Amino acid sequence: MDSAAAAAAKRVQIEKAHNFMRQYRDPESRELKKLSANQFMDVWAHYDKDGNGYIEGTELDGFLREFVASANATDISPEAVTDTMLEELKSCFMEAYDDNQDGKIDIRELAQLLPMEENFLLLFRFDNPLESSVEFMKIWREYDTDNSGYIEADELKNFLRDLLKEAKKINDVSEDKLIEYTDTMLQVFDANKDGRLQLSEMAKLLPVKENFLCRQVFKGATKLTKEDIEKVFSLYDRDNSGTIENEELKGFLKDLLELVKKDDYDAQDLAAFEETIMRGVGHDKHGKISRKELTMILLTLAKISPDDEQ
């Protein structure tokens, strides 16, 4: 065997040995084993090489090649998956698992693909998003017990315990498991790695069904009607008091803030934003927004083009 052939053979052997997914397959059936929280995080960290919170581009290609090759009973290289096969596979895969159709896989979407501990899977709340940001802000207030503006590790553990209790699974979870789940959730959602969750990070862990303000009607594409404004008002005025206040106001401001700050904002940003908005609507200094003031805010929002949002 010449040196080039030997090098090629060695490269194939290395590729075989480096199929990360193979270790999670049953050696007989080739089915995926049930992953623990830590194993799931190992898979995620391995393929999200740039740490941006998505498996995309060449990361996604590498994952799919290894995922398919690892299912084969014989040791085939991931490179055995041809480019044509890869494109067909990617098309089917993304149709099945890319729920938000953004062309990349986030951690929730991967969690639907890989078999995981039932209790850990429950924490991703696939079938139970919150109705609105008003509910989110109520939960935030309940678990930010020291009013620090962050959900720290012990507060997050309490939240996860209650989440599992709500799902009728609390008896299955030991304190050690809760600590493991807390650490794992921090690894997943603590984007700035400060050991706690800020507002925008908690919002990813606890998603809302829809940010109503992202609808095109509020982006200047069509004329705002009285019905549009009434719909928004009723969405946030959960207690039908005739004003948007307390968690209702903070939920509205959170949705408004997400249009500008996107994926990175904290409680201090929300407080500063609230001060600006309340100063802008003028006369009401009591932490409440009336229909008239909401109308003013929404009309201003509708006049801002997408390019001007920043």
C-alpha atoms as a PDB file:
ATOM      1  CA  MET A   1       0.000   0.000   0.000  1.00  0.00           C
ATOM      2  CA  ASP A   2       1.474   3.376  -1.014  1.00  0.00           C
ATOM      3  CA  SER A   3       1.655   6.308   1.386  1.00  0.00           C
ATOM      4  CA  ALA A   4      -1.372   8.110  -0.119  1.00  0.00           C
ATOM      5  CA  ALA A   5      -3.561   5.011   0.200  1.00  0.00           C
ATOM      6  CA  ALA A   6      -2.338   4.411   3.736  1.00  0.00           C
ATOM      7  CA  ALA A   7      -3.150   8.004   4.674  1.00  0.00           C
ATOM      8  CA  ALA A   8      -6.613   7.670   3.146  1.00  0.00           C
ATOM      9  CA  ALA A   9      -7.241   4.419   5.031  1.00  0.00           C
ATOM     10  CA  LYS A  10      -6.092   6.017   8.276  1.00  0.00           C
ATOM     11  CA  ARG A  11      -8.393   8.997   7.687  1.00  0.00           C
ATOM     12  CA  VAL A  12     -11.374   6.664   7.179  1.00  0.00           C
ATOM     13  CA  GLN A  13     -10.514   4.826  10.412  1.00  0.00           C
ATOM     14  CA  ILE A  14     -10.371   8.130  12.293  1.00  0.00           C
ATOM     15  CA  GLU A  15     -13.710   9.212  10.813  1.00  0.00           C
ATOM     16  CA  LYS A  16     -15.273   5.906  11.894  1.00  0.00           C
ATOM     17  CA  ALA A  17     -13.876   6.263  15.391  1.00  0.00           C
ATOM     18  CA  HIS A  18     -15.097   9.853  15.548  1.00  0.00           C
ATOM     19  CA  ASN A  19     -18.751   9.171  14.727  1.00  0.00           C
ATOM     20  CA  PHE A  20     -20.036  10.776  17.881  1.00  0.00           C
ATOM     21  CA  MET A  21     -23.561   9.356  17.563  1.00  0.00           C
ATOM     22  CA  ARG A  22     -22.444   5.712  17.421  1.00  0.00           C
ATOM     23  CA  GLN A  23     -21.936   5.517  21.205  1.00  0.00           C
ATOM     24  CA  TYR A  24     -25.631   6.274  21.733  1.00  0.00           C
ATOM     25  CA  ARG A  25     -26.853   3.386  19.573  1.00  0.00           C
ATOM     26  CA  ASP A  26     -27.719  -0.070  20.881  1.00  0.00           C
ATOM     27  CA  PRO A  27     -25.051  -2.383  19.371  1.00  0.00           C
ATOM     28  CA  GLU A  28     -27.633  -5.030  18.466  1.00  0.00           C
ATOM     29  CA  SER A  29     -30.774  -3.177  17.381  1.00  0.00           C
ATOM     30  CA  ARG A  30     -28.946   0.023  16.291  1.00  0.00           C
ATOM     31  CA  GLU A  31     -31.769   2.018  17.877  1.00  0.00           C
ATOM     32  CA  LEU A  32     -30.884   5.129  19.857  1.00  0.00           C
ATOM     33  CA  LYS A  33     -30.603   4.609  23.604  1.00  0.00           C
ATOM     34  CA  LYS A  34     -32.502   6.867  25.988  1.00  0.00           C
ATOM     35  CA  LEU A  35     -30.248   9.834  26.780  1.00  0.00           C
ATOM     36  CA  SER A  36     -29.762  11.368  30.207  1.00  0.00           C
ATOM     37  CA  ALA A  37     -29.778  15.148  30.577  1.00  0.00           C
ATOM     38  CA  ASN A  38     -25.964  15.176  30.633  1.00  0.00           C
ATOM     39  CA  GLN A  39     -25.668  12.943  27.551  1.00  0.00           C
ATOM     40  CA  PHE A  40     -28.117  15.125  25.663  1.00  0.00           C
ATOM     41  CA  MET A  41     -25.998  18.161  26.494  1.00  0.00           C
ATOM     42  CA  ASP A  42     -22.877  16.335  25.310  1.00  0.00           C
ATOM     43  CA  VAL A  43     -24.556  15.733  21.927  1.00  0.00           C
ATOM     44  CA  TRP A  44     -25.704  19.345  21.727  1.00  0.00           C
ATOM     45  CA  ALA A  45     -22.280  20.777  22.632  1.00  0.00           C
ATOM     46  CA  HIS A  46     -20.527  18.463  20.170  1.00  0.00           C
ATOM     47  CA  TYR A  47     -22.540  19.582  17.145  1.00  0.00           C
ATOM     48  CA  ASP A  48     -23.195  23.230  18.075  1.00  0.00           C
ATOM     49  CA  LYS A  49     -19.499  23.870  17.567  1.00  0.00           C
ATOM     50  CA  ASP A  50     -19.688  27.669  17.479  1.00  0.00           C
ATOM     51  CA  GLY A  51     -21.945  27.794  20.552  1.00  0.00           C
ATOM     52  CA  ASN A  52     -24.504  30.100  18.930  1.00  0.00           C
ATOM     53  CA  GLY A  53     -27.503  28.057  20.075  1.00  0.00           C
ATOM     54  CA  TYR A  54     -28.206  26.389  16.718  1.00  0.00           C
ATOM     55  CA  ILE A  55     -27.030  23.395  14.714  1.00  0.00           C
ATOM     56  CA  GLU A  56     -26.819  24.816  11.213  1.00  0.00           C
ATOM     57  CA  GLY A  57     -24.798  24.821   8.000  1.00  0.00           C
ATOM     58  CA  THR A  58     -21.818  22.463   8.120  1.00  0.00           C
ATOM     59  CA  GLU A  59     -22.715  21.567  11.743  1.00  0.00           C
ATOM     60  CA  LEU A  60     -26.082  20.266  10.554  1.00  0.00           C
ATOM     61  CA  ASP A  61     -24.481  18.400   7.637  1.00  0.00           C
ATOM     62  CA  GLY A  62     -22.025  16.726  10.019  1.00  0.00           C
ATOM     63  CA  PHE A  63     -24.775  15.755  12.456  1.00  0.00           C
ATOM     64  CA  LEU A  64     -26.983  14.243   9.738  1.00  0.00           C
ATOM     65  CA  ARG A  65     -24.109  12.282   8.162  1.00  0.00           C
ATOM     66  CA  GLU A  66     -23.115  10.818  11.536  1.00  0.00           C
ATOM     67  CA  PHE A  67     -26.717  10.237  12.613  1.00  0.00           C
ATOM     68  CA  VAL A  68     -27.404   8.127   9.501  1.00  0.00           C
ATOM     69  CA  ALA A  69     -24.021   6.362   9.405  1.00  0.00           C
ATOM     70  CA  SER A  70     -24.295   5.397  13.088  1.00  0.00           C
ATOM     71  CA  ALA A  71     -27.528   3.489  12.384  1.00  0.00           C
ATOM     72  CA  ASN A  72     -25.671   1.051  10.124  1.00  0.00           C
ATOM     73  CA  ALA A  73     -24.676  -2.248  11.720  1.00  0.00           C
ATOM     74  CA  THR A  74     -21.309  -2.140   9.979  1.00  0.00           C
ATOM     75  CA  ASP A  75     -18.756   0.580  10.637  1.00  0.00           C
ATOM     76  CA  ILE A  76     -19.292   2.873   7.676  1.00  0.00           C
ATOM     77  CA  SER A  77     -17.831   6.322   7.478  1.00  0.00           C
ATOM     78  CA  PRO A  78     -20.125   9.360   7.648  1.00  0.00           C
ATOM     79  CA  GLU A  79     -18.606  10.228   4.267  1.00  0.00           C
ATOM     80  CA  ALA A  80     -20.483   7.235   2.817  1.00  0.00           C
ATOM     81  CA  VAL A  81     -23.545   9.492   2.906  1.00  0.00           C
ATOM     82  CA  THR A  82     -23.260  11.185  -0.483  1.00  0.00           C
ATOM     83  CA  ASP A  83     -24.053  14.849  -1.046  1.00  0.00           C
ATOM     84  CA  THR A  84     -27.203  13.880  -2.965  1.00  0.00           C
ATOM     85  CA  MET A  85     -28.361  11.615  -0.140  1.00  0.00           C
ATOM     86  CA  LEU A  86     -27.533  14.345   2.357  1.00  0.00           C
ATOM     87  CA  GLU A  87     -29.675  16.939   0.559  1.00  0.00           C
ATOM     88  CA  GLU A  88     -32.645  14.558   0.364  1.00  0.00           C
ATOM     89  CA  LEU A  89     -32.178  13.613   4.013  1.00  0.00           C
ATOM     90  CA  LYS A  90     -31.887  17.242   5.094  1.00  0.00           C
ATOM     91  CA  SER A  91     -35.089  18.159   3.247  1.00  0.00           C
ATOM     92  CA  CYS A  92     -37.074  15.381   4.974  1.00  0.00           C
ATOM     93  CA  PHE A  93     -35.424  16.020   8.316  1.00  0.00           C
ATOM     94  CA  MET A  94     -36.088  19.765   8.336  1.00  0.00           C
ATOM     95  CA  GLU A  95     -39.692  19.252   7.260  1.00  0.00           C
ATOM     96  CA  ALA A  96     -40.199  16.916  10.220  1.00  0.00           C
ATOM     97  CA  TYR A  97     -38.234  18.715  12.946  1.00  0.00           C
ATOM     98  CA  ASP A  98     -37.636  22.356  11.968  1.00  0.00           C
ATOM     99  CA  ASP A  99     -40.842  23.573  13.601  1.00  0.00           C
ATOM    100  CA  ASN A 100     -40.238  27.282  13.084  1.00  0.00           C
ATOM    101  CA  GLN A 101     -38.877  26.748   9.557  1.00  0.00           C
ATOM    102  CA  ASP A 102     -35.760  28.859  10.062  1.00  0.00           C
ATOM    103  CA  GLY A 103     -33.456  26.375   8.306  1.00  0.00           C
ATOM    104  CA  LYS A 104     -31.577  25.399  11.463  1.00  0.00           C
ATOM    105  CA  ILE A 105     -32.100  23.182  14.508  1.00  0.00           C
ATOM    106  CA  ASP A 106     -32.450  24.669  17.980  1.00  0.00           C
ATOM    107  CA  ILE A 107     -32.245  22.716  21.201  1.00  0.00           C
ATOM    108  CA  ARG A 108     -35.994  22.132  21.495  1.00  0.00           C
ATOM    109  CA  GLU A 109     -36.128  20.702  17.996  1.00  0.00           C
ATOM    110  CA  LEU A 110     -33.206  18.361  18.728  1.00  0.00           C
ATOM    111  CA  ALA A 111     -34.944  17.254  21.926  1.00  0.00           C
ATOM    112  CA  GLN A 112     -37.902  16.065  19.855  1.00  0.00           C
ATOM    113  CA  LEU A 113     -35.612  13.911  17.728  1.00  0.00           C
ATOM    114  CA  LEU A 114     -33.488  12.205  20.383  1.00  0.00           C
ATOM    115  CA  PRO A 115     -35.004   9.801  22.963  1.00  0.00           C
ATOM    116  CA  MET A 116     -34.562  11.346  26.404  1.00  0.00           C
ATOM    117  CA  GLU A 117     -35.521  10.821  30.031  1.00  0.00           C
ATOM    118  CA  GLU A 118     -39.228  11.550  30.255  1.00  0.00           C
ATOM    119  CA  ASN A 119     -38.892  13.982  33.149  1.00  0.00           C
ATOM    120  CA  PHE A 120     -36.180  15.990  31.421  1.00  0.00           C
ATOM    121  CA  LEU A 121     -38.212  16.094  28.207  1.00  0.00           C
ATOM    122  CA  LEU A 122     -41.177  17.531  30.116  1.00  0.00           C
ATOM    123  CA  LEU A 123     -39.126  20.612  30.990  1.00  0.00           C
ATOM    124  CA  PHE A 124     -39.119  21.701  27.336  1.00  0.00           C
ATOM    125  CA  ARG A 125     -42.921  22.240  27.403  1.00  0.00           C
ATOM    126  CA  PHE A 126     -43.483  21.374  23.727  1.00  0.00           C
ATOM    127  CA  ASP A 127     -47.269  21.185  23.914  1.00  0.00           C
ATOM    128  CA  ASN A 128     -47.887  23.815  26.550  1.00  0.00           C
ATOM    129  CA  PRO A 129     -46.575  27.287  25.669  1.00  0.00           C
ATOM    130  CA  LEU A 130     -47.854  30.188  27.744  1.00  0.00           C
ATOM    131  CA  GLU A 131     -50.819  32.100  26.368  1.00  0.00           C
ATOM    132  CA  SER A 132     -49.129  35.492  26.660  1.00  0.00           C
ATOM    133  CA  SER A 133     -46.266  37.448  28.181  1.00  0.00           C
ATOM    134  CA  VAL A 134     -48.614  38.506  30.991  1.00  0.00           C
ATOM    135  CA  GLU A 135     -48.510  34.914  32.291  1.00  0.00           C
ATOM    136  CA  PHE A 136     -44.749  34.898  31.775  1.00  0.00           C
ATOM    137  CA  MET A 137     -44.266  38.019  33.913  1.00  0.00           C
ATOM    138  CA  LYS A 138     -46.443  36.566  36.681  1.00  0.00           C
ATOM    139  CA  ILE A 139     -44.217  33.479  36.778  1.00  0.00           C
ATOM    140  CA  TRP A 140     -41.106  35.673  36.665  1.00  0.00           C
ATOM    141  CA  ARG A 141     -42.304  37.657  39.689  1.00  0.00           C
ATOM    142  CA  GLU A 142     -43.157  34.454  41.591  1.00  0.00           C
ATOM    143  CA  TYR A 143     -39.730  32.825  41.157  1.00  0.00           C
ATOM    144  CA  ASP A 144     -37.472  35.906  41.269  1.00  0.00           C
ATOM    145  CA  THR A 145     -37.968  35.752  45.017  1.00  0.00           C
ATOM    146  CA  ASP A 146     -35.148  38.169  45.902  1.00  0.00           C
ATOM    147  CA  ASN A 147     -36.217  40.709  43.235  1.00  0.00           C
ATOM    148  CA  SER A 148     -32.691  40.709  41.818  1.00  0.00           C
ATOM    149  CA  GLY A 149     -33.904  40.877  38.224  1.00  0.00           C
ATOM    150  CA  TYR A 150     -32.492  37.391  37.543  1.00  0.00           C
ATOM    151  CA  ILE A 151     -33.533  33.791  38.095  1.00  0.00           C
ATOM    152  CA  GLU A 152     -30.584  32.335  40.000  1.00  0.00           C
ATOM    153  CA  ALA A 153     -29.789  28.604  40.226  1.00  0.00           C
ATOM    154  CA  ASP A 154     -31.768  27.943  43.428  1.00  0.00           C
ATOM    155  CA  GLU A 155     -34.782  29.865  42.061  1.00  0.00           C
ATOM    156  CA  LEU A 156     -34.528  27.954  38.780  1.00  0.00           C
ATOM    157  CA  LYS A 157     -34.441  24.650  40.683  1.00  0.00           C
ATOM    158  CA  ASN A 158     -37.647  25.642  42.507  1.00  0.00           C
ATOM    159  CA  PHE A 159     -39.257  26.532  39.192  1.00  0.00           C
ATOM    160  CA  LEU A 160     -38.275  23.192  37.613  1.00  0.00           C
ATOM    161  CA  ARG A 161     -39.525  21.290  40.671  1.00  0.00           C
ATOM    162  CA  ASP A 162     -42.921  23.006  40.410  1.00  0.00           C
ATOM    163  CA  LEU A 163     -43.007  22.456  36.661  1.00  0.00           C
ATOM    164  CA  LEU A 164     -42.554  18.713  37.136  1.00  0.00           C
ATOM    165  CA  LYS A 165     -45.050  18.696  40.019  1.00  0.00           C
ATOM    166  CA  GLU A 166     -47.577  20.324  37.677  1.00  0.00           C
ATOM    167  CA  ALA A 167     -46.856  17.527  35.188  1.00  0.00           C
ATOM    168  CA  LYS A 168     -47.545  14.912  37.944  1.00  0.00           C
ATOM    169  CA  LYS A 169     -43.981  13.609  37.824  1.00  0.00           C
ATOM    170  CA  ILE A 170     -42.514  14.922  41.041  1.00  0.00           C
ATOM    171  CA  ASN A 171     -42.227  11.487  42.711  1.00  0.00           C
ATOM    172  CA  ASP A 172     -39.909  10.341  39.937  1.00  0.00           C
ATOM    173  CA  VAL A 173     -37.356  13.091  40.521  1.00  0.00           C
ATOM    174  CA  SER A 174     -34.704  13.037  43.227  1.00  0.00           C
ATOM    175  CA  GLU A 175     -32.950  16.130  44.539  1.00  0.00           C
ATOM    176  CA  ASP A 176     -29.795  15.038  42.684  1.00  0.00           C
ATOM    177  CA  LYS A 177     -31.769  14.836  39.432  1.00  0.00           C
ATOM    178  CA  LEU A 178     -33.244  18.283  40.039  1.00  0.00           C
ATOM    179  CA  ILE A 179     -29.734  19.671  40.493  1.00  0.00           C
ATOM    180  CA  GLU A 180     -28.644  17.923  37.282  1.00  0.00           C
ATOM    181  CA  TYR A 181     -31.643  19.356  35.404  1.00  0.00           C
ATOM    182  CA  THR A 182     -30.954  22.831  36.804  1.00  0.00           C
ATOM    183  CA  ASP A 183     -27.312  22.690  35.712  1.00  0.00           C
ATOM    184  CA  THR A 184     -28.340  21.417  32.281  1.00  0.00           C
ATOM    185  CA  MET A 185     -30.957  24.128  31.780  1.00  0.00           C
ATOM    186  CA  LEU A 186     -28.386  26.751  32.711  1.00  0.00           C
ATOM    187  CA  GLN A 187     -25.988  25.268  30.155  1.00  0.00           C
ATOM    188  CA  VAL A 188     -28.728  25.436  27.529  1.00  0.00           C
ATOM    189  CA  PHE A 189     -30.343  28.800  28.193  1.00  0.00           C
ATOM    190  CA  ASP A 190     -27.717  30.902  30.031  1.00  0.00           C
ATOM    191  CA  ALA A 191     -26.351  32.484  26.854  1.00  0.00           C
ATOM    192  CA  ASN A 192     -23.949  34.921  28.551  1.00  0.00           C
ATOM    193  CA  LYS A 193     -22.729  32.222  30.998  1.00  0.00           C
ATOM    194  CA  ASP A 194     -23.133  34.296  34.159  1.00  0.00           C
ATOM    195  CA  GLY A 195     -24.703  31.393  36.065  1.00  0.00           C
ATOM    196  CA  ARG A 196     -28.240  32.796  36.124  1.00  0.00           C
ATOM    197  CA  LEU A 197     -31.081  33.546  33.708  1.00  0.00           C
ATOM    198  CA  GLN A 198     -31.903  37.069  32.618  1.00  0.00           C
ATOM    199  CA  LEU A 199     -35.320  37.968  31.226  1.00  0.00           C
ATOM    200  CA  SER A 200     -34.610  37.084  27.583  1.00  0.00           C
ATOM    201  CA  GLU A 201     -32.955  33.787  28.561  1.00  0.00           C
ATOM    202  CA  MET A 202     -35.896  32.730  30.751  1.00  0.00           C
ATOM    203  CA  ALA A 203     -38.207  33.648  27.864  1.00  0.00           C
ATOM    204  CA  LYS A 204     -36.539  30.944  25.752  1.00  0.00           C
ATOM    205  CA  LEU A 205     -36.990  28.351  28.505  1.00  0.00           C
ATOM    206  CA  LEU A 206     -40.619  29.387  29.018  1.00  0.00           C
ATOM    207  CA  PRO A 207     -41.936  30.293  25.556  1.00  0.00           C
ATOM    208  CA  VAL A 208     -45.074  32.279  24.829  1.00  0.00           C
ATOM    209  CA  LYS A 209     -47.449  31.042  22.125  1.00  0.00           C
ATOM    210  CA  GLU A 210     -47.168  34.267  20.128  1.00  0.00           C
ATOM    211  CA  ASN A 211     -45.869  37.811  20.461  1.00  0.00           C
ATOM    212  CA  PHE A 212     -49.007  39.479  19.138  1.00  0.00           C
ATOM    213  CA  LEU A 213     -47.109  42.687  18.387  1.00  0.00           C
ATOM    214  CA  CYS A 214     -44.977  40.860  15.767  1.00  0.00           C
ATOM    215  CA  ARG A 215     -47.973  40.628  13.457  1.00  0.00           C
ATOM    216  CA  GLN A 216     -47.621  42.514  10.219  1.00  0.00           C
ATOM    217  CA  VAL A 217     -50.583  44.758  11.002  1.00  0.00           C
ATOM    218  CA  PHE A 218     -48.393  46.539  13.580  1.00  0.00           C
ATOM    219  CA  LYS A 219     -45.539  47.061  11.106  1.00  0.00           C
ATOM    220  CA  GLY A 220     -47.200  49.638   8.873  1.00  0.00           C
ATOM    221  CA  ALA A 221     -48.315  47.186   6.181  1.00  0.00           C
ATOM    222  CA  THR A 222     -52.015  47.924   6.708  1.00  0.00           C
ATOM    223  CA  LYS A 223     -54.083  50.543   8.460  1.00  0.00           C
ATOM    224  CA  LEU A 224     -54.717  49.881  12.127  1.00  0.00           C
ATOM    225  CA  THR A 225     -58.409  49.486  12.882  1.00  0.00           C
ATOM    226  CA  LYS A 226     -60.322  50.038  16.096  1.00  0.00           C
ATOM    227  CA  GLU A 227     -60.818  46.249  16.210  1.00  0.00           C
ATOM    228  CA  ASP A 228     -57.028  45.671  16.038  1.00  0.00           C
ATOM    229  CA  ILE A 229     -56.449  47.982  18.985  1.00  0.00           C
ATOM    230  CA  GLU A 230     -59.305  46.458  20.969  1.00  0.00           C
ATOM    231  CA  LYS A 231     -57.872  42.975  20.362  1.00  0.00           C
ATOM    232  CA  VAL A 232     -54.468  44.021  21.728  1.00  0.00           C
ATOM    233  CA  PHE A 233     -56.049  45.748  24.706  1.00  0.00           C
ATOM    234  CA  SER A 234     -58.105  42.678  25.652  1.00  0.00           C
ATOM    235  CA  LEU A 235     -55.043  40.442  25.240  1.00  0.00           C
ATOM    236  CA  TYR A 236     -53.139  42.361  27.938  1.00  0.00           C
ATOM    237  CA  ASP A 237     -56.012  43.562  30.143  1.00  0.00           C
ATOM    238  CA  ARG A 238     -56.448  40.074  31.597  1.00  0.00           C
ATOM    239  CA  ASP A 239     -58.553  41.154  34.581  1.00  0.00           C
ATOM    240  CA  ASN A 240     -60.853  43.393  32.473  1.00  0.00           C
ATOM    241  CA  SER A 241     -60.167  46.374  34.715  1.00  0.00           C
ATOM    242  CA  GLY A 242     -60.097  48.832  31.809  1.00  0.00           C
ATOM    243  CA  THR A 243     -56.375  49.535  32.191  1.00  0.00           C
ATOM    244  CA  ILE A 244     -53.160  47.611  31.517  1.00  0.00           C
ATOM    245  CA  GLU A 245     -51.178  47.532  34.774  1.00  0.00           C
ATOM    246  CA  ASN A 246     -48.744  45.508  36.918  1.00  0.00           C
ATOM    247  CA  GLU A 247     -47.804  42.189  35.204  1.00  0.00           C
ATOM    248  CA  GLU A 248     -50.144  43.077  32.326  1.00  0.00           C
ATOM    249  CA  LEU A 249     -48.099  46.210  31.657  1.00  0.00           C
ATOM    250  CA  LYS A 250     -44.798  44.381  32.052  1.00  0.00           C
ATOM    251  CA  GLY A 251     -45.991  41.645  29.678  1.00  0.00           C
ATOM    252  CA  PHE A 252     -46.946  44.251  27.078  1.00  0.00           C
ATOM    253  CA  LEU A 253     -43.610  46.044  27.501  1.00  0.00           C
ATOM    254  CA  LYS A 254     -41.716  42.729  27.241  1.00  0.00           C
ATOM    255  CA  ASP A 255     -43.399  42.012  23.894  1.00  0.00           C
ATOM    256  CA  LEU A 256     -42.685  45.562  22.758  1.00  0.00           C
ATOM    257  CA  LEU A 257     -39.062  45.320  23.899  1.00  0.00           C
ATOM    258  CA  GLU A 258     -38.578  42.070  21.942  1.00  0.00           C
ATOM    259  CA  LEU A 259     -39.317  43.968  18.723  1.00  0.00           C
ATOM    260  CA  VAL A 260     -36.277  46.143  19.406  1.00  0.00           C
ATOM    261  CA  LYS A 261     -33.830  44.139  21.522  1.00  0.00           C
ATOM    262  CA  LYS A 262     -34.632  40.754  19.949  1.00  0.00           C
ATOM    263  CA  ASP A 263     -32.793  38.064  21.923  1.00  0.00           C
ATOM    264  CA  ASP A 264     -30.816  39.974  24.554  1.00  0.00           C
ATOM    265  CA  TYR A 265     -32.553  42.006  27.263  1.00  0.00           C
ATOM    266  CA  ASP A 266     -32.780  41.918  31.034  1.00  0.00           C
ATOM    267  CA  ALA A 267     -34.963  43.322  33.823  1.00  0.00           C
ATOM    268  CA  GLN A 268     -32.993  46.577  33.845  1.00  0.00           C
ATOM    269  CA  ASP A 269     -33.701  47.038  30.122  1.00  0.00           C
ATOM    270  CA  LEU A 270     -37.393  46.440  30.804  1.00  0.00           C
ATOM    271  CA  ALA A 271     -37.445  48.991  33.651  1.00  0.00           C
ATOM    272  CA  ALA A 272     -35.698  51.637  31.520  1.00  0.00           C
ATOM    273  CA  PHE A 273     -38.051  50.886  28.630  1.00  0.00           C
ATOM    274  CA  GLU A 274     -41.072  51.226  30.928  1.00  0.00           C
ATOM    275  CA  GLU A 275     -39.867  54.623  32.112  1.00  0.00           C
ATOM    276  CA  THR A 276     -39.402  55.808  28.520  1.00  0.00           C
ATOM    277  CA  ILE A 277     -42.813  54.556  27.392  1.00  0.00           C
ATOM    278  CA  MET A 278     -44.660  55.972  30.404  1.00  0.00           C
ATOM    279  CA  ARG A 279     -42.932  59.321  29.923  1.00  0.00           C
ATOM    280  CA  GLY A 280     -43.897  59.204  26.251  1.00  0.00           C
ATOM    281  CA  VAL A 281     -47.615  58.670  26.875  1.00  0.00           C
ATOM    282  CA  GLY A 282     -47.586  61.718  29.109  1.00  0.00           C
ATOM    283  CA  HIS A 283     -50.088  62.316  31.810  1.00  0.00           C
ATOM    284  CA  ASP A 284     -50.550  58.880  33.415  1.00  0.00           C
ATOM    285  CA  LYS A 285     -47.758  58.369  35.935  1.00  0.00           C
ATOM    286  CA  HIS A 286     -49.470  55.584  37.898  1.00  0.00           C
ATOM    287  CA  GLY A 287     -48.029  52.599  36.056  1.00  0.00           C
ATOM    288  CA  LYS A 288     -51.139  52.081  33.972  1.00  0.00           C
ATOM    289  CA  ILE A 289     -51.945  52.335  30.284  1.00  0.00           C
ATOM    290  CA  SER A 290     -55.426  53.239  29.067  1.00  0.00           C
ATOM    291  CA  ARG A 291     -56.982  52.418  25.676  1.00  0.00           C
ATOM    292  CA  LYS A 292     -56.115  55.904  24.451  1.00  0.00           C
ATOM    293  CA  GLU A 293     -52.458  55.560  25.495  1.00  0.00           C
ATOM    294  CA  LEU A 294     -52.217  52.074  23.990  1.00  0.00           C
ATOM    295  CA  THR A 295     -53.592  53.466  20.735  1.00  0.00           C
ATOM    296  CA  MET A 296     -50.878  56.130  20.733  1.00  0.00           C
ATOM    297  CA  ILE A 297     -48.140  53.515  21.259  1.00  0.00           C
ATOM    298  CA  LEU A 298     -49.478  51.159  18.563  1.00  0.00           C
ATOM    299  CA  LEU A 299     -49.879  53.947  16.015  1.00  0.00           C
ATOM    300  CA  THR A 300     -46.278  54.977  16.653  1.00  0.00           C
ATOM    301  CA  LEU A 301     -45.161  51.359  16.253  1.00  0.00           C
ATOM    302  CA  ALA A 302     -47.070  50.991  12.964  1.00  0.00           C
ATOM    303  CA  LYS A 303     -45.246  54.014  11.510  1.00  0.00           C
ATOM    304  CA  ILE A 304     -41.792  52.495  12.165  1.00  0.00           C
ATOM    305  CA  SER A 305     -40.439  50.547   9.204  1.00  0.00           C
ATOM    306  CA  PRO A 306     -38.596  47.264   9.917  1.00  0.00           C
ATOM    307  CA  ASP A 307     -35.305  48.964   8.969  1.00  0.00           C
ATOM    308  CA  ASP A 308     -35.896  51.692  11.560  1.00  0.00           C
ATOM    309  CA  GLU A 309     -36.742  49.423  14.524  1.00  0.00           C
ATOM    310  CA  GLN A 310     -33.284  49.657  16.041  1.00  0.00           C
END
